Amino acid sequence: MTAKVGLDGHDRGVKVIARALREAGYEVIYLGLRQTPEMVVDAAVQEDAQVIGLSLHSGAHMTLFPAVVEELRKRNATDIMVFGGGIIPDEDILELKKLGVAEIFGPGTPLQEIVAWLRRRFPS
């Protein structure tokens, strides 16, 4: 499952990722723009998703990524892995990983690298 949380309206990257994952054989549900952490987790639980991919370019990554991880904890759905991408400083990436985000991919990351990372965790 992929989504844009918060008010960030830049959705081209997340759509490219969703398409690459579909082409690699994964079933992908793109929730769209302006989702709340609760909406994303609701959908992930209802759809029995294994992974939530978030894209953030708004600068709210230190609030929104942890909010999704916390919402998963509240729902006893910590088996759902969270990864993401966007414009995120390296020092924030380290902190997000400590908070439970599995991986962050920055701008320009080759799509094959993202697919390979996911394939190692969840074979298609």
Protein backbone atom coordinates (compact mmCIF):
# COMPACT_ATOMS: atom_id res chain seq x y z
CA MET A 1 0.00 0.00 0.00
CA THR A 2 1.30 3.47 -0.85
CA ALA A 3 0.02 6.85 0.25
CA LYS A 4 0.72 10.54 0.64
CA VAL A 5 0.15 11.60 4.24
CA GLY A 6 -0.50 15.17 5.25
CA LEU A 7 -0.93 18.13 2.95
CA ASP A 8 1.92 17.35 0.56
CA GLY A 9 0.55 17.44 -2.99
CA HIS A 10 3.62 16.13 -4.83
CA ASP A 11 2.47 12.67 -5.91
CA ARG A 12 4.49 11.93 -9.03
CA GLY A 13 7.19 9.97 -7.18
CA VAL A 14 4.80 7.76 -5.23
CA LYS A 15 2.92 6.98 -8.44
CA VAL A 16 6.17 6.00 -10.16
CA ILE A 17 7.05 3.73 -7.22
CA ALA A 18 3.57 2.15 -7.25
CA ARG A 19 3.88 1.41 -10.95
CA ALA A 20 7.38 -0.06 -10.59
CA LEU A 21 6.18 -2.34 -7.80
CA ARG A 22 3.18 -3.46 -9.87
CA GLU A 23 5.46 -4.19 -12.81
CA ALA A 24 7.64 -6.25 -10.44
CA GLY A 25 4.62 -8.40 -9.59
CA TYR A 26 3.36 -6.81 -6.38
CA GLU A 27 -0.26 -5.92 -5.74
CA VAL A 28 -0.24 -2.21 -4.93
CA ILE A 29 -3.03 -0.03 -3.62
CA TYR A 30 -2.37 3.71 -3.91
CA LEU A 31 -4.54 5.61 -1.44
CA GLY A 32 -3.86 9.01 -2.93
CA LEU A 33 -3.20 12.46 -1.51
CA ARG A 34 -3.97 14.05 1.84
CA GLN A 35 -4.33 10.88 3.88
CA THR A 36 -4.15 10.90 7.67
CA PRO A 37 -2.09 8.30 9.52
CA GLU A 38 -5.36 6.79 10.77
CA MET A 39 -6.77 6.53 7.24
CA VAL A 40 -3.61 4.84 5.97
CA VAL A 41 -3.52 2.31 8.81
CA ASP A 42 -7.29 1.65 8.52
CA ALA A 43 -6.86 0.82 4.84
CA ALA A 44 -3.73 -1.27 5.44
CA VAL A 45 -5.47 -3.35 8.10
CA GLN A 46 -8.64 -3.77 6.01
CA GLU A 47 -6.66 -4.78 2.93
CA ASP A 48 -4.32 -7.08 4.89
CA ALA A 49 -1.30 -5.16 3.58
CA GLN A 50 2.22 -6.30 4.42
CA VAL A 51 3.88 -2.98 3.69
CA ILE A 52 3.02 0.72 3.77
CA GLY A 53 5.07 2.98 1.53
CA LEU A 54 4.86 6.69 2.32
CA SER A 55 6.15 9.65 0.33
CA LEU A 56 6.78 13.01 1.98
CA HIS A 57 8.17 16.23 0.57
CA SER A 58 6.45 18.64 2.95
CA GLY A 59 9.02 18.64 5.75
CA ALA A 60 6.59 16.91 8.12
CA HIS A 61 8.40 13.56 7.98
CA MET A 62 9.40 13.63 11.67
CA THR A 63 5.72 13.95 12.60
CA LEU A 64 3.90 11.88 9.98
CA PHE A 65 6.13 8.81 9.65
CA PRO A 66 6.16 8.25 13.45
CA ALA A 67 2.39 8.87 13.57
CA VAL A 68 1.80 6.01 11.11
CA VAL A 69 4.15 3.70 13.05
CA GLU A 70 2.40 4.62 16.31
CA GLU A 71 -1.03 4.05 14.80
CA LEU A 72 0.10 0.58 13.71
CA ARG A 73 1.20 -0.10 17.30
CA LYS A 74 -2.17 1.07 18.65
CA ARG A 75 -3.93 -1.36 16.30
CA ASN A 76 -1.59 -4.27 17.11
CA ALA A 77 -0.54 -4.27 13.47
CA THR A 78 3.22 -4.02 13.91
CA ASP A 79 3.64 -6.84 11.41
CA ILE A 80 2.96 -4.22 8.71
CA MET A 81 6.30 -2.70 7.68
CA VAL A 82 6.64 1.02 6.90
CA PHE A 83 9.11 2.42 4.38
CA GLY A 84 9.22 5.72 2.59
CA GLY A 85 10.90 8.31 0.53
CA GLY A 86 11.15 11.98 -0.10
CA ILE A 87 13.31 14.94 0.77
CA ILE A 88 14.58 13.81 4.17
CA PRO A 89 17.92 14.79 5.75
CA ASP A 90 20.31 11.95 6.62
CA GLU A 91 20.18 12.67 10.37
CA ASP A 92 16.39 12.40 10.27
CA ILE A 93 16.61 9.09 8.39
CA LEU A 94 18.60 7.61 11.27
CA GLU A 95 16.04 8.83 13.79
CA LEU A 96 13.11 7.55 11.73
CA LYS A 97 14.72 4.11 11.58
CA LYS A 98 15.10 4.16 15.38
CA LEU A 99 11.38 4.95 15.58
CA GLY A 100 10.45 1.94 13.47
CA VAL A 101 10.57 2.98 9.82
CA ALA A 102 12.28 0.15 7.93
CA GLU A 103 13.92 2.19 5.16
CA ILE A 104 13.95 5.62 3.54
CA PHE A 105 14.81 6.11 -0.13
CA GLY A 106 15.94 9.53 -1.27
CA PRO A 107 15.39 11.29 -4.58
CA GLY A 108 17.11 9.56 -7.48
CA THR A 109 17.15 6.11 -5.91
CA PRO A 110 16.97 3.62 -8.80
CA LEU A 111 13.60 1.86 -8.93
CA GLN A 112 15.41 -1.47 -9.21
CA GLU A 113 17.05 -0.81 -5.84
CA ILE A 114 13.68 -0.24 -4.17
CA VAL A 115 12.19 -3.35 -5.80
CA ALA A 116 15.23 -5.44 -4.79
CA TRP A 117 15.01 -4.20 -1.20
CA LEU A 118 11.33 -5.10 -1.02
CA ARG A 119 11.87 -8.44 -2.75
CA ARG A 120 14.39 -9.45 -0.08
CA ARG A 121 11.69 -8.92 2.55
CA PHE A 122 8.57 -9.98 0.66
CA PRO A 123 9.09 -12.16 -2.40
CA SER A 124 6.37 -11.55 -5.02
